[in-house]
Amino acid sequence: MGFLQWLTWVFVHSLASQRRIFCVAIWAIWRDRNNRLHNKGSKSGKEIGRFVNSYISELDVVAAIGVVARDKKGLVLLSCSEFHQRVSSAFGAETIVCRKALQIGVHMQWERVIIEGDSLSIIKKCKTKNPDKSLVSAYIHDIHQLLLYFKECKFEHIPRSTNSLAHILAIEAIKSNRGDYLIGRVPRVAEFQAENERVREPD
């Protein structure tokens, strides 16, 4: 049996979950082969197996995101939380948050927005006009396209400690197993934090 025939047989006689394991395993073995040739390093069979399991686990990650829109006085205009499947990294989730914030701005027909995020790396990618070549390049491309709808858009990095409200929304979405889209308010569980952050907003 030739390689292509064998490959076809594997795909025909396997479940979708098994086909995914098979493809990741083949890729991992090929990757290890290239490392051995070029870097003179190699993994054991057990290490490759652990890598395959870890990689597949990341593919199944469900990320919850939280977005809060405020006016100049710090009052909540709307809050949003939602789920995204197969987000393989925290960077991916942070990029999705930025894209969602811009999508909300377009939907609400806001002409000027300031997007705040606590991931400096993602904020820098959003600011640059050069094509992105990282794993989140598709999201960054979407973000750059959405910018065309605004007269002005600024991206600002903020400390994680001042972005607590958005994180609370994401955590509550996971706990309740559902997302929310609320106009003019946040979920009751986040009301205290919303007021606390509004008080600290500069004039």
N, C-alpha and C. Protein backbone atom coordinates (compact mmCIF):
# COMPACT_ATOMS: atom_id res chain seq x y z
N MET A 1 0.85 -1.20 0.00
CA MET A 1 0.00 0.00 0.00
C MET A 1 0.88 1.24 0.00
N GLY A 2 0.65 2.15 -0.96
CA GLY A 2 1.42 3.37 -1.04
C GLY A 2 1.00 4.37 0.04
N PHE A 3 1.81 5.45 0.18
CA PHE A 3 1.54 6.43 1.24
C PHE A 3 0.18 7.08 1.08
N LEU A 4 -0.15 7.53 -0.14
CA LEU A 4 -1.42 8.20 -0.36
C LEU A 4 -2.60 7.27 -0.10
N GLN A 5 -2.46 5.99 -0.50
CA GLN A 5 -3.52 5.02 -0.25
C GLN A 5 -3.69 4.80 1.25
N TRP A 6 -2.56 4.70 1.94
CA TRP A 6 -2.60 4.52 3.39
C TRP A 6 -3.26 5.72 4.07
N LEU A 7 -2.89 6.93 3.61
CA LEU A 7 -3.45 8.16 4.18
C LEU A 7 -4.95 8.21 3.97
N THR A 8 -5.39 7.86 2.75
CA THR A 8 -6.81 7.83 2.44
C THR A 8 -7.55 6.83 3.32
N TRP A 9 -6.93 5.66 3.51
CA TRP A 9 -7.53 4.61 4.35
C TRP A 9 -7.71 5.09 5.78
N VAL A 10 -6.69 5.79 6.31
CA VAL A 10 -6.76 6.30 7.68
C VAL A 10 -7.92 7.28 7.82
N PHE A 11 -8.07 8.19 6.87
CA PHE A 11 -9.13 9.21 6.96
C PHE A 11 -10.52 8.60 6.79
N VAL A 12 -10.64 7.60 5.93
CA VAL A 12 -11.94 6.97 5.69
C VAL A 12 -12.40 6.17 6.90
N HIS A 13 -11.47 5.55 7.59
CA HIS A 13 -11.82 4.64 8.69
C HIS A 13 -11.63 5.25 10.08
N SER A 14 -11.52 6.57 10.15
CA SER A 14 -11.30 7.21 11.45
C SER A 14 -12.41 8.20 11.77
N LEU A 15 -12.62 8.43 13.06
CA LEU A 15 -13.52 9.47 13.51
C LEU A 15 -12.84 10.83 13.36
N ALA A 16 -13.63 11.91 13.39
CA ALA A 16 -13.07 13.26 13.23
C ALA A 16 -12.02 13.55 14.30
N SER A 17 -12.29 13.14 15.55
CA SER A 17 -11.33 13.38 16.63
C SER A 17 -10.03 12.61 16.40
N GLN A 18 -10.15 11.40 15.84
CA GLN A 18 -8.96 10.60 15.56
C GLN A 18 -8.15 11.19 14.41
N ARG A 19 -8.86 11.72 13.41
CA ARG A 19 -8.17 12.35 12.28
C ARG A 19 -7.38 13.57 12.74
N ARG A 20 -7.94 14.31 13.69
CA ARG A 20 -7.24 15.49 14.19
C ARG A 20 -5.96 15.08 14.92
N ILE A 21 -6.06 14.05 15.76
CA ILE A 21 -4.88 13.56 16.47
C ILE A 21 -3.83 13.08 15.48
N PHE A 22 -4.29 12.37 14.47
CA PHE A 22 -3.38 11.85 13.45
C PHE A 22 -2.63 12.98 12.74
N CYS A 23 -3.36 14.02 12.32
CA CYS A 23 -2.74 15.13 11.59
C CYS A 23 -1.74 15.89 12.47
N VAL A 24 -2.12 16.13 13.72
CA VAL A 24 -1.22 16.84 14.63
C VAL A 24 0.02 15.99 14.90
N ALA A 25 -0.16 14.68 15.04
CA ALA A 25 0.97 13.79 15.30
C ALA A 25 1.95 13.78 14.13
N ILE A 26 1.40 13.69 12.89
CA ILE A 26 2.26 13.71 11.70
C ILE A 26 3.03 15.02 11.63
N TRP A 27 2.32 16.12 11.90
CA TRP A 27 2.97 17.44 11.89
C TRP A 27 4.06 17.52 12.94
N ALA A 28 3.79 17.00 14.14
CA ALA A 28 4.77 17.05 15.24
C ALA A 28 6.00 16.22 14.91
N ILE A 29 5.79 15.06 14.29
CA ILE A 29 6.93 14.20 13.91
C ILE A 29 7.77 14.88 12.84
N TRP A 30 7.11 15.48 11.84
CA TRP A 30 7.83 16.20 10.78
C TRP A 30 8.60 17.38 11.36
N ARG A 31 7.98 18.09 12.29
CA ARG A 31 8.62 19.23 12.95
C ARG A 31 9.86 18.78 13.72
N ASP A 32 9.74 17.64 14.41
CA ASP A 32 10.87 17.12 15.17
C ASP A 32 11.98 16.66 14.23
N ARG A 33 11.60 16.10 13.09
CA ARG A 33 12.59 15.67 12.09
C ARG A 33 13.39 16.85 11.57
N ASN A 34 12.70 17.99 11.30
CA ASN A 34 13.38 19.20 10.83
C ASN A 34 14.29 19.78 11.90
N ASN A 35 13.84 19.76 13.14
CA ASN A 35 14.69 20.24 14.24
C ASN A 35 15.94 19.39 14.37
N ARG A 36 15.78 18.09 14.20
CA ARG A 36 16.92 17.19 14.31
C ARG A 36 17.94 17.45 13.21
N LEU A 37 17.44 17.76 12.00
CA LEU A 37 18.34 18.02 10.88
C LEU A 37 19.06 19.36 11.00
N HIS A 38 18.33 20.39 11.44
CA HIS A 38 18.88 21.75 11.42
C HIS A 38 19.47 22.20 12.76
N ASN A 39 18.87 21.74 13.84
CA ASN A 39 19.33 22.20 15.16
C ASN A 39 20.02 21.11 15.97
N LYS A 40 20.06 19.92 15.39
CA LYS A 40 20.70 18.79 16.07
C LYS A 40 20.05 18.50 17.42
N GLY A 41 18.74 18.72 17.48
CA GLY A 41 18.00 18.41 18.70
C GLY A 41 16.84 17.51 18.35
N SER A 42 16.42 16.68 19.30
CA SER A 42 15.34 15.75 19.00
C SER A 42 14.56 15.43 20.28
N LYS A 43 13.28 15.16 20.12
CA LYS A 43 12.42 14.78 21.24
C LYS A 43 12.21 13.27 21.25
N SER A 44 11.95 12.75 22.43
CA SER A 44 11.63 11.33 22.54
C SER A 44 10.18 11.12 22.10
N GLY A 45 9.81 9.87 21.91
CA GLY A 45 8.43 9.56 21.52
C GLY A 45 7.44 10.06 22.57
N LYS A 46 7.79 9.92 23.85
CA LYS A 46 6.90 10.38 24.92
C LYS A 46 6.74 11.90 24.89
N GLU A 47 7.84 12.61 24.62
CA GLU A 47 7.79 14.07 24.55
C GLU A 47 6.92 14.54 23.39
N ILE A 48 7.03 13.87 22.26
CA ILE A 48 6.19 14.21 21.10
C ILE A 48 4.72 13.94 21.44
N GLY A 49 4.48 12.83 22.11
CA GLY A 49 3.11 12.49 22.52
C GLY A 49 2.52 13.54 23.45
N ARG A 50 3.32 14.00 24.39
CA ARG A 50 2.85 15.04 25.31
C ARG A 50 2.58 16.34 24.56
N PHE A 51 3.44 16.67 23.59
CA PHE A 51 3.24 17.87 22.78
C PHE A 51 1.93 17.79 22.01
N VAL A 52 1.66 16.64 21.41
CA VAL A 52 0.43 16.45 20.63
C VAL A 52 -0.80 16.64 21.52
N ASN A 53 -0.79 16.02 22.72
CA ASN A 53 -1.92 16.14 23.64
C ASN A 53 -2.12 17.58 24.09
N SER A 54 -1.02 18.27 24.37
CA SER A 54 -1.08 19.65 24.82
C SER A 54 -1.62 20.55 23.72
N TYR A 55 -1.15 20.33 22.50
CA TYR A 55 -1.58 21.16 21.37
C TYR A 55 -3.07 20.98 21.10
N ILE A 56 -3.55 19.75 21.15
CA ILE A 56 -4.97 19.49 20.91
C ILE A 56 -5.82 20.09 22.02
N SER A 57 -5.32 20.03 23.25
CA SER A 57 -6.05 20.63 24.37
C SER A 57 -6.22 22.12 24.16
N GLU A 58 -5.18 22.79 23.64
CA GLU A 58 -5.26 24.22 23.37
C GLU A 58 -6.29 24.53 22.29
N LEU A 59 -6.41 23.63 21.30
CA LEU A 59 -7.38 23.85 20.23
C LEU A 59 -8.81 23.83 20.75
N ASP A 60 -9.02 23.12 21.86
CA ASP A 60 -10.36 22.98 22.40
C ASP A 60 -10.70 24.04 23.44
N VAL A 61 -9.78 24.96 23.67
CA VAL A 61 -10.01 25.98 24.69
C VAL A 61 -11.19 26.88 24.31
N VAL A 62 -12.03 27.16 25.27
CA VAL A 62 -13.12 28.11 25.09
C VAL A 62 -12.74 29.38 25.83
N ALA A 63 -12.61 30.47 25.11
CA ALA A 63 -12.24 31.75 25.74
C ALA A 63 -13.45 32.64 25.88
N ALA A 64 -13.58 33.25 27.02
CA ALA A 64 -14.65 34.22 27.24
C ALA A 64 -14.03 35.61 27.26
N ILE A 65 -14.70 36.56 26.63
CA ILE A 65 -14.18 37.92 26.58
C ILE A 65 -15.19 38.89 27.17
N GLY A 66 -14.69 40.01 27.66
CA GLY A 66 -15.55 41.04 28.20
C GLY A 66 -15.18 42.40 27.62
N VAL A 67 -16.18 43.18 27.22
CA VAL A 67 -15.96 44.52 26.66
C VAL A 67 -16.87 45.51 27.39
N VAL A 68 -16.31 46.65 27.75
CA VAL A 68 -17.09 47.71 28.39
C VAL A 68 -16.86 49.00 27.61
N ALA A 69 -17.95 49.67 27.24
CA ALA A 69 -17.84 50.97 26.55
C ALA A 69 -18.31 52.05 27.51
N ARG A 70 -17.50 53.11 27.63
CA ARG A 70 -17.83 54.22 28.52
C ARG A 70 -17.79 55.54 27.75
N ASP A 71 -18.48 56.54 28.31
CA ASP A 71 -18.38 57.88 27.73
C ASP A 71 -17.25 58.63 28.42
N LYS A 72 -17.12 59.92 28.12
CA LYS A 72 -16.02 60.72 28.67
C LYS A 72 -16.05 60.83 30.18
N LYS A 73 -17.23 60.70 30.76
CA LYS A 73 -17.37 60.80 32.22
C LYS A 73 -17.17 59.46 32.93
N GLY A 74 -16.96 58.42 32.14
CA GLY A 74 -16.76 57.10 32.73
C GLY A 74 -18.04 56.31 32.92
N LEU A 75 -19.17 56.85 32.49
CA LEU A 75 -20.44 56.14 32.61
C LEU A 75 -20.52 55.02 31.57
N VAL A 76 -21.06 53.90 31.97
CA VAL A 76 -21.14 52.75 31.08
C VAL A 76 -22.20 52.96 30.01
N LEU A 77 -21.78 52.86 28.76
CA LEU A 77 -22.71 52.95 27.63
C LEU A 77 -23.28 51.58 27.30
N LEU A 78 -22.43 50.57 27.39
CA LEU A 78 -22.88 49.19 27.20
C LEU A 78 -21.80 48.24 27.70
N SER A 79 -22.20 47.02 27.94
CA SER A 79 -21.25 45.97 28.32
C SER A 79 -21.58 44.72 27.53
N CYS A 80 -20.56 43.96 27.25
CA CYS A 80 -20.74 42.78 26.40
C CYS A 80 -19.79 41.67 26.85
N SER A 81 -20.29 40.46 26.87
CA SER A 81 -19.44 39.29 27.11
C SER A 81 -19.89 38.19 26.17
N GLU A 82 -18.95 37.39 25.69
CA GLU A 82 -19.29 36.30 24.78
C GLU A 82 -18.21 35.25 24.77
N PHE A 83 -18.53 34.08 24.19
CA PHE A 83 -17.62 32.95 24.13
C PHE A 83 -17.01 32.83 22.73
N HIS A 84 -15.78 32.34 22.70
CA HIS A 84 -15.12 32.02 21.43
C HIS A 84 -14.39 30.69 21.61
N GLN A 85 -14.68 29.76 20.71
CA GLN A 85 -14.06 28.43 20.79
C GLN A 85 -12.75 28.38 20.02
N ARG A 86 -11.92 27.44 20.44
CA ARG A 86 -10.65 27.16 19.79
C ARG A 86 -9.74 28.39 19.68
N VAL A 87 -9.69 29.15 20.77
CA VAL A 87 -8.73 30.26 20.87
C VAL A 87 -7.51 29.70 21.57
N SER A 88 -6.40 29.59 20.83
CA SER A 88 -5.27 28.81 21.32
C SER A 88 -4.33 29.55 22.26
N SER A 89 -4.56 30.85 22.50
CA SER A 89 -3.64 31.58 23.37
C SER A 89 -4.33 32.80 23.96
N ALA A 90 -3.72 33.33 25.02
CA ALA A 90 -4.23 34.55 25.64
C ALA A 90 -4.13 35.72 24.66
N PHE A 91 -3.08 35.70 23.82
CA PHE A 91 -2.93 36.76 22.82
C PHE A 91 -4.10 36.75 21.84
N GLY A 92 -4.54 35.55 21.48
CA GLY A 92 -5.68 35.44 20.58
C GLY A 92 -6.93 36.04 21.20
N ALA A 93 -7.15 35.74 22.47
CA ALA A 93 -8.32 36.27 23.18
C ALA A 93 -8.26 37.79 23.27
N GLU A 94 -7.08 38.33 23.58
CA GLU A 94 -6.92 39.79 23.70
C GLU A 94 -7.20 40.48 22.35
N THR A 95 -6.78 39.84 21.27
CA THR A 95 -7.01 40.41 19.94
C THR A 95 -8.49 40.39 19.58
N ILE A 96 -9.17 39.31 19.96
CA ILE A 96 -10.60 39.19 19.70
C ILE A 96 -11.36 40.29 20.46
N VAL A 97 -10.90 40.61 21.68
CA VAL A 97 -11.53 41.67 22.46
C VAL A 97 -11.44 43.01 21.72
N CYS A 98 -10.25 43.32 21.20
CA CYS A 98 -10.07 44.58 20.45
C CYS A 98 -10.97 44.62 19.23
N ARG A 99 -11.04 43.51 18.52
CA ARG A 99 -11.89 43.45 17.33
C ARG A 99 -13.36 43.62 17.70
N LYS A 100 -13.79 42.98 18.78
CA LYS A 100 -15.18 43.09 19.21
C LYS A 100 -15.51 44.53 19.61
N ALA A 101 -14.59 45.20 20.30
CA ALA A 101 -14.82 46.59 20.70
C ALA A 101 -15.03 47.47 19.48
N LEU A 102 -14.23 47.25 18.44
CA LEU A 102 -14.38 48.03 17.21
C LEU A 102 -15.69 47.69 16.49
N GLN A 103 -16.06 46.42 16.49
CA GLN A 103 -17.32 46.02 15.86
C GLN A 103 -18.51 46.69 16.55
N ILE A 104 -18.42 46.79 17.87
CA ILE A 104 -19.48 47.48 18.62
C ILE A 104 -19.52 48.95 18.24
N GLY A 105 -18.34 49.56 18.14
CA GLY A 105 -18.27 50.96 17.75
C GLY A 105 -18.88 51.22 16.39
N VAL A 106 -18.63 50.31 15.44
CA VAL A 106 -19.21 50.44 14.10
C VAL A 106 -20.72 50.29 14.17
N HIS A 107 -21.18 49.30 14.93
CA HIS A 107 -22.62 49.06 15.06
C HIS A 107 -23.33 50.26 15.70
N MET A 108 -22.68 50.88 16.67
CA MET A 108 -23.28 52.02 17.37
C MET A 108 -23.07 53.34 16.61
N GLN A 109 -22.32 53.26 15.51
CA GLN A 109 -22.04 54.43 14.65
C GLN A 109 -21.29 55.53 15.40
N TRP A 110 -20.37 55.10 16.27
CA TRP A 110 -19.50 56.08 16.94
C TRP A 110 -18.40 56.49 15.98
N GLU A 111 -18.11 57.77 15.92
CA GLU A 111 -17.09 58.27 14.98
C GLU A 111 -15.70 58.26 15.58
N ARG A 112 -15.62 58.41 16.89
CA ARG A 112 -14.32 58.46 17.58
C ARG A 112 -14.33 57.52 18.76
N VAL A 113 -13.32 56.67 18.85
CA VAL A 113 -13.24 55.71 19.95
C VAL A 113 -11.81 55.61 20.46
N ILE A 114 -11.69 55.21 21.71
CA ILE A 114 -10.40 54.88 22.31
C ILE A 114 -10.51 53.44 22.80
N ILE A 115 -9.65 52.59 22.28
CA ILE A 115 -9.64 51.18 22.66
C ILE A 115 -8.54 50.97 23.69
N GLU A 116 -8.92 50.52 24.88
CA GLU A 116 -7.95 50.27 25.95
C GLU A 116 -7.79 48.77 26.16
N GLY A 117 -6.56 48.33 26.35
CA GLY A 117 -6.29 46.92 26.60
C GLY A 117 -5.07 46.74 27.45
N ASP A 118 -5.00 45.62 28.18
CA ASP A 118 -3.86 45.42 29.08
C ASP A 118 -2.77 44.53 28.49
N SER A 119 -2.90 44.19 27.19
CA SER A 119 -1.85 43.45 26.51
C SER A 119 -1.05 44.42 25.64
N LEU A 120 0.14 44.79 26.10
CA LEU A 120 0.95 45.76 25.37
C LEU A 120 1.28 45.27 23.97
N SER A 121 1.57 43.98 23.85
CA SER A 121 1.92 43.41 22.55
C SER A 121 0.79 43.58 21.54
N ILE A 122 -0.44 43.30 21.95
CA ILE A 122 -1.58 43.41 21.05
C ILE A 122 -1.88 44.86 20.72
N ILE A 123 -1.76 45.75 21.69
CA ILE A 123 -2.00 47.17 21.45
C ILE A 123 -1.00 47.69 20.41
N LYS A 124 0.25 47.27 20.51
CA LYS A 124 1.27 47.68 19.54
C LYS A 124 0.92 47.17 18.14
N LYS A 125 0.45 45.93 18.05
CA LYS A 125 0.08 45.36 16.75
C LYS A 125 -1.10 46.12 16.13
N CYS A 126 -2.02 46.54 16.98
CA CYS A 126 -3.18 47.29 16.48
C CYS A 126 -2.77 48.66 15.96
N LYS A 127 -1.76 49.25 16.59
CA LYS A 127 -1.31 50.59 16.20
C LYS A 127 -0.53 50.59 14.90
N THR A 128 0.25 49.56 14.68
CA THR A 128 1.12 49.56 13.50
C THR A 128 0.32 49.35 12.22
N LYS A 129 0.79 49.92 11.14
CA LYS A 129 0.12 49.77 9.85
C LYS A 129 0.77 48.70 8.99
N ASN A 130 1.87 48.14 9.49
CA ASN A 130 2.55 47.09 8.73
C ASN A 130 1.78 45.77 8.84
N PRO A 131 1.81 44.95 7.80
CA PRO A 131 1.14 43.65 7.85
C PRO A 131 1.69 42.81 8.99
N ASP A 132 0.81 42.18 9.73
CA ASP A 132 1.22 41.33 10.84
C ASP A 132 1.45 39.90 10.36
N LYS A 133 2.49 39.25 10.87
CA LYS A 133 2.82 37.90 10.43
C LYS A 133 2.77 36.89 11.58
N SER A 134 2.16 37.29 12.69
CA SER A 134 2.09 36.41 13.86
C SER A 134 0.88 35.49 13.76
N LEU A 135 0.65 34.69 14.80
CA LEU A 135 -0.47 33.76 14.82
C LEU A 135 -1.83 34.47 14.89
N VAL A 136 -1.81 35.75 15.26
CA VAL A 136 -3.07 36.51 15.35
C VAL A 136 -3.24 37.45 14.16
N SER A 137 -2.52 37.20 13.09
CA SER A 137 -2.51 38.12 11.94
C SER A 137 -3.90 38.31 11.33
N ALA A 138 -4.73 37.26 11.31
CA ALA A 138 -6.07 37.39 10.72
C ALA A 138 -6.91 38.37 11.52
N TYR A 139 -6.81 38.30 12.85
CA TYR A 139 -7.55 39.23 13.70
C TYR A 139 -7.05 40.66 13.53
N ILE A 140 -5.74 40.81 13.46
CA ILE A 140 -5.15 42.15 13.29
C ILE A 140 -5.59 42.74 11.95
N HIS A 141 -5.66 41.91 10.93
CA HIS A 141 -6.14 42.38 9.62
C HIS A 141 -7.57 42.89 9.74
N ASP A 142 -8.42 42.13 10.43
CA ASP A 142 -9.81 42.56 10.63
C ASP A 142 -9.87 43.91 11.35
N ILE A 143 -9.03 44.06 12.37
CA ILE A 143 -9.00 45.30 13.15
C ILE A 143 -8.63 46.48 12.26
N HIS A 144 -7.60 46.31 11.44
CA HIS A 144 -7.18 47.39 10.55
C HIS A 144 -8.27 47.75 9.54
N GLN A 145 -9.05 46.77 9.11
CA GLN A 145 -10.15 47.05 8.19
C GLN A 145 -11.27 47.81 8.88
N LEU A 146 -11.54 47.48 10.13
CA LEU A 146 -12.59 48.16 10.89
C LEU A 146 -12.25 49.61 11.17
N LEU A 147 -10.97 49.93 11.21
CA LEU A 147 -10.55 51.30 11.48
C LEU A 147 -11.04 52.28 10.41
N LEU A 148 -11.33 51.76 9.23
CA LEU A 148 -11.78 52.61 8.13
C LEU A 148 -13.14 53.24 8.41
N TYR A 149 -13.88 52.69 9.36
CA TYR A 149 -15.21 53.20 9.67
C TYR A 149 -15.20 54.37 10.65
N PHE A 150 -14.03 54.69 11.20
CA PHE A 150 -13.95 55.73 12.22
C PHE A 150 -13.19 56.96 11.73
N LYS A 151 -13.62 58.11 12.22
CA LYS A 151 -12.85 59.32 11.95
C LYS A 151 -11.57 59.33 12.77
N GLU A 152 -11.66 58.75 13.97
CA GLU A 152 -10.48 58.70 14.83
C GLU A 152 -10.57 57.49 15.75
N CYS A 153 -9.47 56.78 15.87
CA CYS A 153 -9.41 55.63 16.77
C CYS A 153 -8.02 55.59 17.40
N LYS A 154 -7.97 55.53 18.72
CA LYS A 154 -6.71 55.44 19.43
C LYS A 154 -6.66 54.14 20.21
N PHE A 155 -5.48 53.54 20.26
CA PHE A 155 -5.26 52.34 21.06
C PHE A 155 -4.35 52.71 22.23
N GLU A 156 -4.79 52.39 23.43
CA GLU A 156 -4.01 52.75 24.61
C GLU A 156 -3.81 51.53 25.52
N HIS A 157 -2.58 51.38 25.98
CA HIS A 157 -2.29 50.29 26.91
C HIS A 157 -2.58 50.74 28.33
N ILE A 158 -3.27 49.91 29.08
CA ILE A 158 -3.57 50.21 30.48
C ILE A 158 -3.15 49.03 31.35
N PRO A 159 -2.83 49.26 32.62
CA PRO A 159 -2.46 48.15 33.51
C PRO A 159 -3.65 47.20 33.71
N ARG A 160 -3.36 45.96 33.94
CA ARG A 160 -4.42 44.97 34.16
C ARG A 160 -5.29 45.35 35.36
N SER A 161 -4.68 46.00 36.35
CA SER A 161 -5.41 46.38 37.56
C SER A 161 -6.52 47.38 37.29
N THR A 162 -6.40 48.15 36.20
CA THR A 162 -7.44 49.13 35.87
C THR A 162 -8.40 48.60 34.79
N ASN A 163 -8.24 47.33 34.46
CA ASN A 163 -9.11 46.71 33.46
C ASN A 163 -9.92 45.58 34.08
N SER A 164 -10.16 45.69 35.39
CA SER A 164 -10.80 44.61 36.14
C SER A 164 -12.23 44.35 35.70
N LEU A 165 -12.96 45.39 35.34
CA LEU A 165 -14.36 45.23 34.99
C LEU A 165 -14.54 44.29 33.79
N ALA A 166 -13.72 44.49 32.77
CA ALA A 166 -13.81 43.61 31.58
C ALA A 166 -13.51 42.17 31.95
N HIS A 167 -12.55 41.97 32.85
CA HIS A 167 -12.20 40.61 33.27
C HIS A 167 -13.32 39.98 34.10
N ILE A 168 -13.99 40.79 34.91
CA ILE A 168 -15.12 40.28 35.69
C ILE A 168 -16.23 39.80 34.75
N LEU A 169 -16.48 40.56 33.69
CA LEU A 169 -17.51 40.17 32.72
C LEU A 169 -17.17 38.82 32.09
N ALA A 170 -15.89 38.64 31.74
CA ALA A 170 -15.47 37.38 31.12
C ALA A 170 -15.61 36.22 32.09
N ILE A 171 -15.20 36.42 33.33
CA ILE A 171 -15.28 35.37 34.35
C ILE A 171 -16.73 34.98 34.62
N GLU A 172 -17.61 35.98 34.72
CA GLU A 172 -19.02 35.71 34.97
C GLU A 172 -19.66 34.98 33.80
N ALA A 173 -19.21 35.28 32.59
CA ALA A 173 -19.72 34.57 31.42
C ALA A 173 -19.39 33.08 31.50
N ILE A 174 -18.18 32.79 31.97
CA ILE A 174 -17.77 31.39 32.13
C ILE A 174 -18.59 30.71 33.22
N LYS A 175 -18.79 31.42 34.34
CA LYS A 175 -19.55 30.85 35.45
C LYS A 175 -21.01 30.57 35.08
N SER A 176 -21.60 31.51 34.35
CA SER A 176 -23.02 31.36 33.99
C SER A 176 -23.23 30.60 32.69
N ASN A 177 -22.14 30.37 31.98
CA ASN A 177 -22.18 29.65 30.71
C ASN A 177 -23.03 30.37 29.66
N ARG A 178 -22.98 31.70 29.70
CA ARG A 178 -23.69 32.48 28.68
C ARG A 178 -23.08 33.88 28.58
N GLY A 179 -23.27 34.53 27.44
CA GLY A 179 -22.79 35.88 27.26
C GLY A 179 -23.92 36.89 27.48
N ASP A 180 -23.57 38.15 27.55
CA ASP A 180 -24.55 39.22 27.76
C ASP A 180 -24.24 40.38 26.84
N TYR A 181 -25.27 41.13 26.51
CA TYR A 181 -25.11 42.39 25.77
C TYR A 181 -26.11 43.35 26.39
N LEU A 182 -25.60 44.27 27.23
CA LEU A 182 -26.47 45.14 28.00
C LEU A 182 -26.21 46.61 27.65
N ILE A 183 -27.25 47.33 27.36
CA ILE A 183 -27.14 48.75 27.02
C ILE A 183 -27.27 49.59 28.29
N GLY A 184 -26.29 50.44 28.52
CA GLY A 184 -26.34 51.37 29.64
C GLY A 184 -26.04 50.79 31.00
N ARG A 185 -25.65 49.55 31.06
CA ARG A 185 -25.37 48.94 32.38
C ARG A 185 -24.48 47.71 32.23
N VAL A 186 -24.09 47.19 33.38
CA VAL A 186 -23.32 45.96 33.44
C VAL A 186 -24.14 44.94 34.23
N PRO A 187 -23.78 43.67 34.20
CA PRO A 187 -24.49 42.70 35.04
C PRO A 187 -24.41 43.11 36.52
N ARG A 188 -25.41 42.73 37.28
CA ARG A 188 -25.49 43.16 38.68
C ARG A 188 -24.23 42.83 39.47
N VAL A 189 -23.65 41.68 39.18
CA VAL A 189 -22.47 41.25 39.92
C VAL A 189 -21.27 42.18 39.69
N ALA A 190 -21.32 42.96 38.61
CA ALA A 190 -20.19 43.84 38.27
C ALA A 190 -20.48 45.31 38.54
N GLU A 191 -21.64 45.62 39.12
CA GLU A 191 -22.03 47.02 39.32
C GLU A 191 -21.08 47.78 40.24
N PHE A 192 -20.65 47.14 41.32
CA PHE A 192 -19.75 47.81 42.27
C PHE A 192 -18.43 48.17 41.58
N GLN A 193 -17.88 47.23 40.80
CA GLN A 193 -16.62 47.49 40.11
C GLN A 193 -16.79 48.59 39.07
N ALA A 194 -17.93 48.62 38.39
CA ALA A 194 -18.19 49.65 37.38
C ALA A 194 -18.20 51.03 38.03
N GLU A 195 -18.84 51.15 39.17
CA GLU A 195 -18.90 52.43 39.86
C GLU A 195 -17.52 52.81 40.40
N ASN A 196 -16.79 51.83 40.90
CA ASN A 196 -15.46 52.07 41.43
C ASN A 196 -14.52 52.60 40.34
N GLU A 197 -14.60 52.02 39.14
CA GLU A 197 -13.75 52.46 38.03
C GLU A 197 -14.21 53.82 37.49
N ARG A 198 -15.50 54.08 37.54
CA ARG A 198 -15.99 55.38 37.07
C ARG A 198 -15.47 56.51 37.95
N VAL A 199 -15.46 56.27 39.26
CA VAL A 199 -14.98 57.28 40.21
C VAL A 199 -13.52 57.61 39.97
N ARG A 200 -12.75 56.59 39.53
CA ARG A 200 -11.31 56.82 39.31
C ARG A 200 -11.00 57.41 37.96
N GLU A 201 -12.01 57.50 37.07
CA GLU A 201 -11.77 58.06 35.74
C GLU A 201 -11.34 59.52 35.85
N PRO A 202 -10.29 59.94 35.12
CA PRO A 202 -9.88 61.34 35.14
C PRO A 202 -10.88 62.22 34.43
N ASP A 203 -10.94 63.51 34.82
CA ASP A 203 -11.85 64.44 34.18
C ASP A 203 -11.39 64.75 32.76
